[in-house]
């Protein structure tokens, strides 16, 4: 599931433009849920909805350090919310989700990451993965993707953490960033993704390319063009 501003997006193509003046605040985020039946969907939707409300409710003029501290407090809070839903409804027990997001606040851009959903930057013909997968293979030094996560929101994870990075200086006109679930990078290598982007293609083209390669998992992609 994808969040753009206050809009939740699932199973659709959506285009919009966001103005990033200093008074604006918003999140562009992707959550890939885990759990039986609809539990993963509930975890991802709960997390993204809560993130949108959290950001809209932030006080003005937080320092960068204060913003990071309050985001970490939010992580603790959303973990408790996911856990409480699982305790109240056994069908949601052990549900969880990954989260990767771009947050804009006070004229600064931050990315946050929990799990193995990814943020990439494509600029001047070069593709670079900005986030690091929180997975078993990363832990043991393997470059290929692993479905065994070492960090997530919910799913009984008692030591959830967020990677948080200010990347404002990397947001330049003509650049592209995209968020994706592992349904994309399980099917396409970075080189294959770059080949699609080199043709000027969009998020939908990346999804279709992954599906053509087998599409063993849900594929979600959110593309951000800097104008």
C-alpha atoms as a PDB file:
ATOM      1  CA  UNK A   1       0.000   0.000   0.000  1.00  0.00           C
ATOM      2  CA  UNK A   2       1.152   3.550  -0.754  1.00  0.00           C
ATOM      3  CA  UNK A   3       0.509   6.867   0.972  1.00  0.00           C
ATOM      4  CA  UNK A   4       0.810  10.189  -0.878  1.00  0.00           C
ATOM      5  CA  UNK A   5      -0.036  13.111   1.379  1.00  0.00           C
ATOM      6  CA  UNK A   6      -3.353  12.055   2.914  1.00  0.00           C
ATOM      7  CA  UNK A   7      -4.347   9.615   0.155  1.00  0.00           C
ATOM      8  CA  UNK A   8      -3.995   5.848   0.524  1.00  0.00           C
ATOM      9  CA  UNK A   9      -3.418   4.014  -2.759  1.00  0.00           C
ATOM     10  CA  UNK A  10      -3.980   0.337  -3.473  1.00  0.00           C
ATOM     11  CA  UNK A  11      -4.527  -1.399  -6.809  1.00  0.00           C
ATOM     12  CA  UNK A  12      -4.634   1.815  -8.807  1.00  0.00           C
ATOM     13  CA  UNK A  13      -2.489   4.252 -10.752  1.00  0.00           C
ATOM     14  CA  UNK A  14      -2.409   7.734  -9.243  1.00  0.00           C
ATOM     15  CA  UNK A  15      -0.679  10.943 -10.354  1.00  0.00           C
ATOM     16  CA  UNK A  16      -0.420  14.215  -8.438  1.00  0.00           C
ATOM     17  CA  UNK A  17       1.794  17.263  -7.890  1.00  0.00           C
ATOM     18  CA  UNK A  18       2.940  18.458  -4.459  1.00  0.00           C
ATOM     19  CA  UNK A  19       4.355  21.915  -3.714  1.00  0.00           C
ATOM     20  CA  UNK A  20       7.206  21.779  -1.211  1.00  0.00           C
ATOM     21  CA  UNK A  21       7.178  25.244   0.323  1.00  0.00           C
ATOM     22  CA  UNK A  22       8.415  25.541   3.892  1.00  0.00           C
ATOM     23  CA  UNK A  23       4.892  25.650   5.298  1.00  0.00           C
ATOM     24  CA  UNK A  24       4.006  22.331   3.642  1.00  0.00           C
ATOM     25  CA  UNK A  25       4.479  18.960   5.335  1.00  0.00           C
ATOM     26  CA  UNK A  26       3.766  15.598   3.821  1.00  0.00           C
ATOM     27  CA  UNK A  27       4.785  11.961   3.621  1.00  0.00           C
ATOM     28  CA  UNK A  28       5.187   9.750   0.585  1.00  0.00           C
ATOM     29  CA  UNK A  29       5.361   6.226   1.947  1.00  0.00           C
ATOM     30  CA  UNK A  30       5.069   2.544   1.103  1.00  0.00           C
ATOM     31  CA  UNK A  31       4.185  -0.276   3.482  1.00  0.00           C
ATOM     32  CA  UNK A  32       4.334  -3.963   2.554  1.00  0.00           C
ATOM     33  CA  UNK A  33       2.173  -5.949   4.964  1.00  0.00           C
ATOM     34  CA  UNK A  34       2.813  -9.406   6.391  1.00  0.00           C
ATOM     35  CA  UNK A  35       0.357 -11.865   7.913  1.00  0.00           C
ATOM     36  CA  UNK A  36      -2.331 -14.353   6.993  1.00  0.00           C
ATOM     37  CA  UNK A  37      -5.649 -13.492   5.318  1.00  0.00           C
ATOM     38  CA  UNK A  38      -6.036  -9.701   5.334  1.00  0.00           C
ATOM     39  CA  UNK A  39      -3.765  -9.112   8.337  1.00  0.00           C
ATOM     40  CA  UNK A  40      -0.899  -7.674   6.306  1.00  0.00           C
ATOM     41  CA  UNK A  41      -3.287  -5.258   4.632  1.00  0.00           C
ATOM     42  CA  UNK A  42      -4.604  -4.134   8.016  1.00  0.00           C
ATOM     43  CA  UNK A  43      -1.060  -3.597   9.334  1.00  0.00           C
ATOM     44  CA  UNK A  44       0.052  -1.572   6.312  1.00  0.00           C
ATOM     45  CA  UNK A  45      -3.116   0.542   6.173  1.00  0.00           C
ATOM     46  CA  UNK A  46      -3.025   1.209   9.925  1.00  0.00           C
ATOM     47  CA  UNK A  47       0.630   2.255   9.758  1.00  0.00           C
ATOM     48  CA  UNK A  48       0.226   4.582   6.784  1.00  0.00           C
ATOM     49  CA  UNK A  49      -2.980   6.183   8.065  1.00  0.00           C
ATOM     50  CA  UNK A  50      -1.368   6.768  11.436  1.00  0.00           C
ATOM     51  CA  UNK A  51       1.773   8.222   9.819  1.00  0.00           C
ATOM     52  CA  UNK A  52      -0.317  10.714   7.849  1.00  0.00           C
ATOM     53  CA  UNK A  53      -2.182  11.834  10.980  1.00  0.00           C
ATOM     54  CA  UNK A  54       1.057  11.982  12.993  1.00  0.00           C
ATOM     55  CA  UNK A  55       2.701  14.288  10.480  1.00  0.00           C
ATOM     56  CA  UNK A  56      -0.300  16.606  10.201  1.00  0.00           C
ATOM     57  CA  UNK A  57      -0.402  16.884  13.999  1.00  0.00           C
ATOM     58  CA  UNK A  58       3.263  17.825  14.480  1.00  0.00           C
ATOM     59  CA  UNK A  59       3.999  21.191  16.082  1.00  0.00           C
ATOM     60  CA  UNK A  60       5.701  23.858  13.989  1.00  0.00           C
ATOM     61  CA  UNK A  61       9.377  24.785  14.195  1.00  0.00           C
ATOM     62  CA  UNK A  62      10.771  21.488  15.468  1.00  0.00           C
ATOM     63  CA  UNK A  63      14.562  21.291  15.292  1.00  0.00           C
ATOM     64  CA  UNK A  64      16.015  18.484  13.137  1.00  0.00           C
ATOM     65  CA  UNK A  65      16.971  16.653  16.330  1.00  0.00           C
ATOM     66  CA  UNK A  66      13.510  17.187  17.787  1.00  0.00           C
ATOM     67  CA  UNK A  67      11.864  15.868  14.626  1.00  0.00           C
ATOM     68  CA  UNK A  68      13.943  12.687  14.695  1.00  0.00           C
ATOM     69  CA  UNK A  69      13.169  12.131  18.381  1.00  0.00           C
ATOM     70  CA  UNK A  70       9.435  12.488  17.841  1.00  0.00           C
ATOM     71  CA  UNK A  71       9.530  10.145  14.813  1.00  0.00           C
ATOM     72  CA  UNK A  72      11.205   7.495  16.974  1.00  0.00           C
ATOM     73  CA  UNK A  73       8.493   8.001  19.580  1.00  0.00           C
ATOM     74  CA  UNK A  74       5.917   7.463  16.820  1.00  0.00           C
ATOM     75  CA  UNK A  75       7.552   4.135  15.925  1.00  0.00           C
ATOM     76  CA  UNK A  76       7.078   2.921  19.492  1.00  0.00           C
ATOM     77  CA  UNK A  77       3.466   4.099  19.419  1.00  0.00           C
ATOM     78  CA  UNK A  78       2.543   2.425  16.098  1.00  0.00           C
ATOM     79  CA  UNK A  79       4.099  -0.840  17.254  1.00  0.00           C
ATOM     80  CA  UNK A  80       1.800  -0.788  20.306  1.00  0.00           C
ATOM     81  CA  UNK A  81      -1.211  -0.038  18.097  1.00  0.00           C
ATOM     82  CA  UNK A  82      -0.431  -2.956  15.743  1.00  0.00           C
ATOM     83  CA  UNK A  83       0.135  -5.272  18.720  1.00  0.00           C
ATOM     84  CA  UNK A  84      -3.131  -4.232  20.387  1.00  0.00           C
ATOM     85  CA  UNK A  85      -5.116  -4.939  17.215  1.00  0.00           C
ATOM     86  CA  UNK A  86      -3.618  -8.428  17.134  1.00  0.00           C
ATOM     87  CA  UNK A  87      -4.538  -9.048  20.763  1.00  0.00           C
ATOM     88  CA  UNK A  88      -8.111  -7.856  20.179  1.00  0.00           C
ATOM     89  CA  UNK A  89      -8.624  -9.996  17.054  1.00  0.00           C
ATOM     90  CA  UNK A  90      -6.858 -13.395  16.827  1.00  0.00           C
ATOM     91  CA  UNK A  91      -7.060 -13.304  13.008  1.00  0.00           C
ATOM     92  CA  UNK A  92      -4.693 -10.314  13.128  1.00  0.00           C
ATOM     93  CA  UNK A  93      -2.232 -11.900  15.538  1.00  0.00           C
ATOM     94  CA  UNK A  94       1.437 -11.417  14.563  1.00  0.00           C
ATOM     95  CA  UNK A  95       0.572  -9.128  11.656  1.00  0.00           C
ATOM     96  CA  UNK A  96       3.280  -6.703  10.623  1.00  0.00           C
ATOM     97  CA  UNK A  97       4.537  -4.457   7.883  1.00  0.00           C
ATOM     98  CA  UNK A  98       7.621  -2.878   6.412  1.00  0.00           C
ATOM     99  CA  UNK A  99       7.778   0.888   5.966  1.00  0.00           C
ATOM    100  CA  UNK A 100       9.830   3.147   3.735  1.00  0.00           C
ATOM    101  CA  UNK A 101       8.941   6.815   3.514  1.00  0.00           C
ATOM    102  CA  UNK A 102      10.002  10.269   2.424  1.00  0.00           C
ATOM    103  CA  UNK A 103       8.983  12.924   4.935  1.00  0.00           C
ATOM    104  CA  UNK A 104       8.997  16.639   4.130  1.00  0.00           C
ATOM    105  CA  UNK A 105       8.906  19.025   7.080  1.00  0.00           C
ATOM    106  CA  UNK A 106      10.240  22.538   7.621  1.00  0.00           C
ATOM    107  CA  UNK A 107      11.912  22.696   4.222  1.00  0.00           C
ATOM    108  CA  UNK A 108      13.883  19.479   4.797  1.00  0.00           C
ATOM    109  CA  UNK A 109      13.563  16.000   3.305  1.00  0.00           C
ATOM    110  CA  UNK A 110      14.090  12.885   5.431  1.00  0.00           C
ATOM    111  CA  UNK A 111      13.813   9.245   4.468  1.00  0.00           C
ATOM    112  CA  UNK A 112      12.956   6.578   6.995  1.00  0.00           C
ATOM    113  CA  UNK A 113      13.143   2.815   6.613  1.00  0.00           C
ATOM    114  CA  UNK A 114      12.027  -0.236   8.601  1.00  0.00           C
ATOM    115  CA  UNK A 115      12.264  -3.609   6.852  1.00  0.00           C
ATOM    116  CA  UNK A 116      13.164  -4.465   3.275  1.00  0.00           C
ATOM    117  CA  UNK A 117      11.044  -2.120   1.171  1.00  0.00           C
ATOM    118  CA  UNK A 118      13.417   0.178  -0.659  1.00  0.00           C
ATOM    119  CA  UNK A 119      14.115   3.770  -1.694  1.00  0.00           C
ATOM    120  CA  UNK A 120      16.125   4.345  -4.871  1.00  0.00           C
ATOM    121  CA  UNK A 121      17.515   7.477  -6.477  1.00  0.00           C
ATOM    122  CA  UNK A 122      17.835   7.788 -10.270  1.00  0.00           C
ATOM    123  CA  UNK A 123      19.838  10.828 -11.399  1.00  0.00           C
ATOM    124  CA  UNK A 124      21.953  11.561 -14.470  1.00  0.00           C
ATOM    125  CA  UNK A 125      21.497   8.001 -15.687  1.00  0.00           C
ATOM    126  CA  UNK A 126      22.713   6.408 -12.432  1.00  0.00           C
ATOM    127  CA  UNK A 127      20.554   4.260 -10.162  1.00  0.00           C
ATOM    128  CA  UNK A 128      21.419   3.959  -6.471  1.00  0.00           C
ATOM    129  CA  UNK A 129      19.666   2.158  -3.620  1.00  0.00           C
ATOM    130  CA  UNK A 130      19.604   4.578  -0.679  1.00  0.00           C
ATOM    131  CA  UNK A 131      18.128   2.310   1.983  1.00  0.00           C
ATOM    132  CA  UNK A 132      19.668  -0.862   3.396  1.00  0.00           C
ATOM    133  CA  UNK A 133      17.479  -3.973   3.662  1.00  0.00           C
ATOM    134  CA  UNK A 134      16.857  -5.074   7.230  1.00  0.00           C
ATOM    135  CA  UNK A 135      17.147  -8.745   6.331  1.00  0.00           C
ATOM    136  CA  UNK A 136      19.123 -11.867   7.139  1.00  0.00           C
ATOM    137  CA  UNK A 137      21.187 -11.650   3.969  1.00  0.00           C
ATOM    138  CA  UNK A 138      22.272  -8.091   4.759  1.00  0.00           C
ATOM    139  CA  UNK A 139      23.281  -9.281   8.225  1.00  0.00           C
ATOM    140  CA  UNK A 140      25.486 -12.070   6.849  1.00  0.00           C
ATOM    141  CA  UNK A 141      26.859  -9.997   3.967  1.00  0.00           C
ATOM    142  CA  UNK A 142      24.934 -11.557   1.082  1.00  0.00           C
ATOM    143  CA  UNK A 143      24.030  -9.100  -1.689  1.00  0.00           C
ATOM    144  CA  UNK A 144      20.929 -10.907  -2.911  1.00  0.00           C
ATOM    145  CA  UNK A 145      17.537 -10.210  -1.363  1.00  0.00           C
ATOM    146  CA  UNK A 146      16.259 -12.344   1.520  1.00  0.00           C
ATOM    147  CA  UNK A 147      12.657 -12.843   2.612  1.00  0.00           C
ATOM    148  CA  UNK A 148      13.821 -13.278   6.230  1.00  0.00           C
ATOM    149  CA  UNK A 149      13.428  -9.877   7.896  1.00  0.00           C
ATOM    150  CA  UNK A 150      15.392  -8.735  10.939  1.00  0.00           C
ATOM    151  CA  UNK A 151      13.285  -5.608  11.499  1.00  0.00           C
ATOM    152  CA  UNK A 152       9.685  -4.568  10.884  1.00  0.00           C
ATOM    153  CA  UNK A 153       6.693  -2.853  12.460  1.00  0.00           C
ATOM    154  CA  UNK A 154       4.560  -5.292  14.429  1.00  0.00           C
ATOM    155  CA  UNK A 155       4.843  -9.071  13.833  1.00  0.00           C
ATOM    156  CA  UNK A 156       6.035  -9.491  17.418  1.00  0.00           C
ATOM    157  CA  UNK A 157       9.228  -7.528  16.729  1.00  0.00           C
ATOM    158  CA  UNK A 158      10.271  -6.144  20.124  1.00  0.00           C
ATOM    159  CA  UNK A 159      13.289  -4.201  18.882  1.00  0.00           C
ATOM    160  CA  UNK A 160      11.927  -2.286  15.886  1.00  0.00           C
ATOM    161  CA  UNK A 161      14.124   0.565  14.725  1.00  0.00           C
ATOM    162  CA  UNK A 162      14.212   3.131  11.940  1.00  0.00           C
ATOM    163  CA  UNK A 163      17.032   4.226   9.695  1.00  0.00           C
ATOM    164  CA  UNK A 164      16.557   8.005   9.374  1.00  0.00           C
ATOM    165  CA  UNK A 165      18.534  10.181   6.949  1.00  0.00           C
ATOM    166  CA  UNK A 166      18.276  13.838   5.908  1.00  0.00           C
ATOM    167  CA  UNK A 167      18.796  13.815   2.141  1.00  0.00           C
ATOM    168  CA  UNK A 168      17.678  17.358   1.285  1.00  0.00           C
ATOM    169  CA  UNK A 169      20.875  18.106  -0.628  1.00  0.00           C
ATOM    170  CA  UNK A 170      20.163  15.170  -2.959  1.00  0.00           C
ATOM    171  CA  UNK A 171      16.750  16.504  -4.019  1.00  0.00           C
ATOM    172  CA  UNK A 172      17.613  18.251  -7.280  1.00  0.00           C
ATOM    173  CA  UNK A 173      15.674  19.251 -10.360  1.00  0.00           C
ATOM    174  CA  UNK A 174      15.604  16.432 -12.883  1.00  0.00           C
ATOM    175  CA  UNK A 175      16.117  13.754 -10.251  1.00  0.00           C
ATOM    176  CA  UNK A 176      13.825  10.799  -9.635  1.00  0.00           C
ATOM    177  CA  UNK A 177      13.235   8.809  -6.481  1.00  0.00           C
ATOM    178  CA  UNK A 178      11.142   5.717  -6.154  1.00  0.00           C
ATOM    179  CA  UNK A 179       9.849   3.572  -3.327  1.00  0.00           C
ATOM    180  CA  UNK A 180       9.193  -0.119  -3.978  1.00  0.00           C
ATOM    181  CA  UNK A 181       8.108  -3.328  -2.284  1.00  0.00           C
ATOM    182  CA  UNK A 182      10.270  -6.447  -2.579  1.00  0.00           C
ATOM    183  CA  UNK A 183       7.856  -7.673  -5.239  1.00  0.00           C
ATOM    184  CA  UNK A 184       9.815  -5.431  -7.614  1.00  0.00           C
ATOM    185  CA  UNK A 185      13.419  -6.133  -6.657  1.00  0.00           C
ATOM    186  CA  UNK A 186      12.750  -9.880  -6.279  1.00  0.00           C
ATOM    187  CA  UNK A 187      11.896  -9.938  -9.979  1.00  0.00           C
ATOM    188  CA  UNK A 188      14.217  -7.283 -11.418  1.00  0.00           C
ATOM    189  CA  UNK A 189      17.889  -6.598 -10.773  1.00  0.00           C
ATOM    190  CA  UNK A 190      19.050  -3.019 -10.320  1.00  0.00           C
ATOM    191  CA  UNK A 191      20.456  -3.170 -13.860  1.00  0.00           C
ATOM    192  CA  UNK A 192      17.085  -4.246 -15.232  1.00  0.00           C
ATOM    193  CA  UNK A 193      15.320  -1.470 -13.311  1.00  0.00           C
ATOM    194  CA  UNK A 194      17.803   1.058 -14.698  1.00  0.00           C
ATOM    195  CA  UNK A 195      17.157  -0.171 -18.242  1.00  0.00           C
ATOM    196  CA  UNK A 196      13.441   0.551 -17.762  1.00  0.00           C
ATOM    197  CA  UNK A 197      14.152   3.992 -16.295  1.00  0.00           C
ATOM    198  CA  UNK A 198      16.624   4.832 -19.057  1.00  0.00           C
ATOM    199  CA  UNK A 199      13.644   4.690 -21.434  1.00  0.00           C
ATOM    200  CA  UNK A 200      11.879   7.394 -19.435  1.00  0.00           C
ATOM    201  CA  UNK A 201       9.292   4.959 -18.118  1.00  0.00           C
ATOM    202  CA  UNK A 202       7.140   5.412 -15.031  1.00  0.00           C
ATOM    203  CA  UNK A 203       6.145   3.420 -11.925  1.00  0.00           C
ATOM    204  CA  UNK A 204       3.534   1.432 -13.832  1.00  0.00           C
ATOM    205  CA  UNK A 205       6.162   0.290 -16.360  1.00  0.00           C
ATOM    206  CA  UNK A 206       8.362  -1.006 -13.524  1.00  0.00           C
ATOM    207  CA  UNK A 207       5.404  -2.923 -12.069  1.00  0.00           C
ATOM    208  CA  UNK A 208       4.556  -4.443 -15.451  1.00  0.00           C
ATOM    209  CA  UNK A 209       8.186  -5.434 -16.006  1.00  0.00           C
ATOM    210  CA  UNK A 210       8.251  -7.259 -12.661  1.00  0.00           C
ATOM    211  CA  UNK A 211       4.965  -9.024 -13.414  1.00  0.00           C
ATOM    212  CA  UNK A 212       6.304 -10.119 -16.802  1.00  0.00           C
ATOM    213  CA  UNK A 213       9.233 -11.743 -14.997  1.00  0.00           C
ATOM    214  CA  UNK A 214       6.909 -13.844 -12.864  1.00  0.00           C
ATOM    215  CA  UNK A 215       5.401 -11.448 -10.337  1.00  0.00           C
ATOM    216  CA  UNK A 216       5.482 -13.917  -7.434  1.00  0.00           C
ATOM    217  CA  UNK A 217       4.528 -11.214  -4.910  1.00  0.00           C
ATOM    218  CA  UNK A 218       2.521  -7.994  -4.819  1.00  0.00           C
ATOM    219  CA  UNK A 219       4.363  -5.206  -6.647  1.00  0.00           C
ATOM    220  CA  UNK A 220       4.066  -1.619  -5.434  1.00  0.00           C
ATOM    221  CA  UNK A 221       6.074   1.301  -6.808  1.00  0.00           C
ATOM    222  CA  UNK A 222       5.830   5.041  -6.151  1.00  0.00           C
ATOM    223  CA  UNK A 223       7.849   7.334  -8.444  1.00  0.00           C
ATOM    224  CA  UNK A 224       8.723  10.922  -7.451  1.00  0.00           C
ATOM    225  CA  UNK A 225       9.967  13.308 -10.137  1.00  0.00           C
ATOM    226  CA  UNK A 226      11.642  16.537  -8.979  1.00  0.00           C
ATOM    227  CA  UNK A 227      10.541  19.437 -11.183  1.00  0.00           C
END
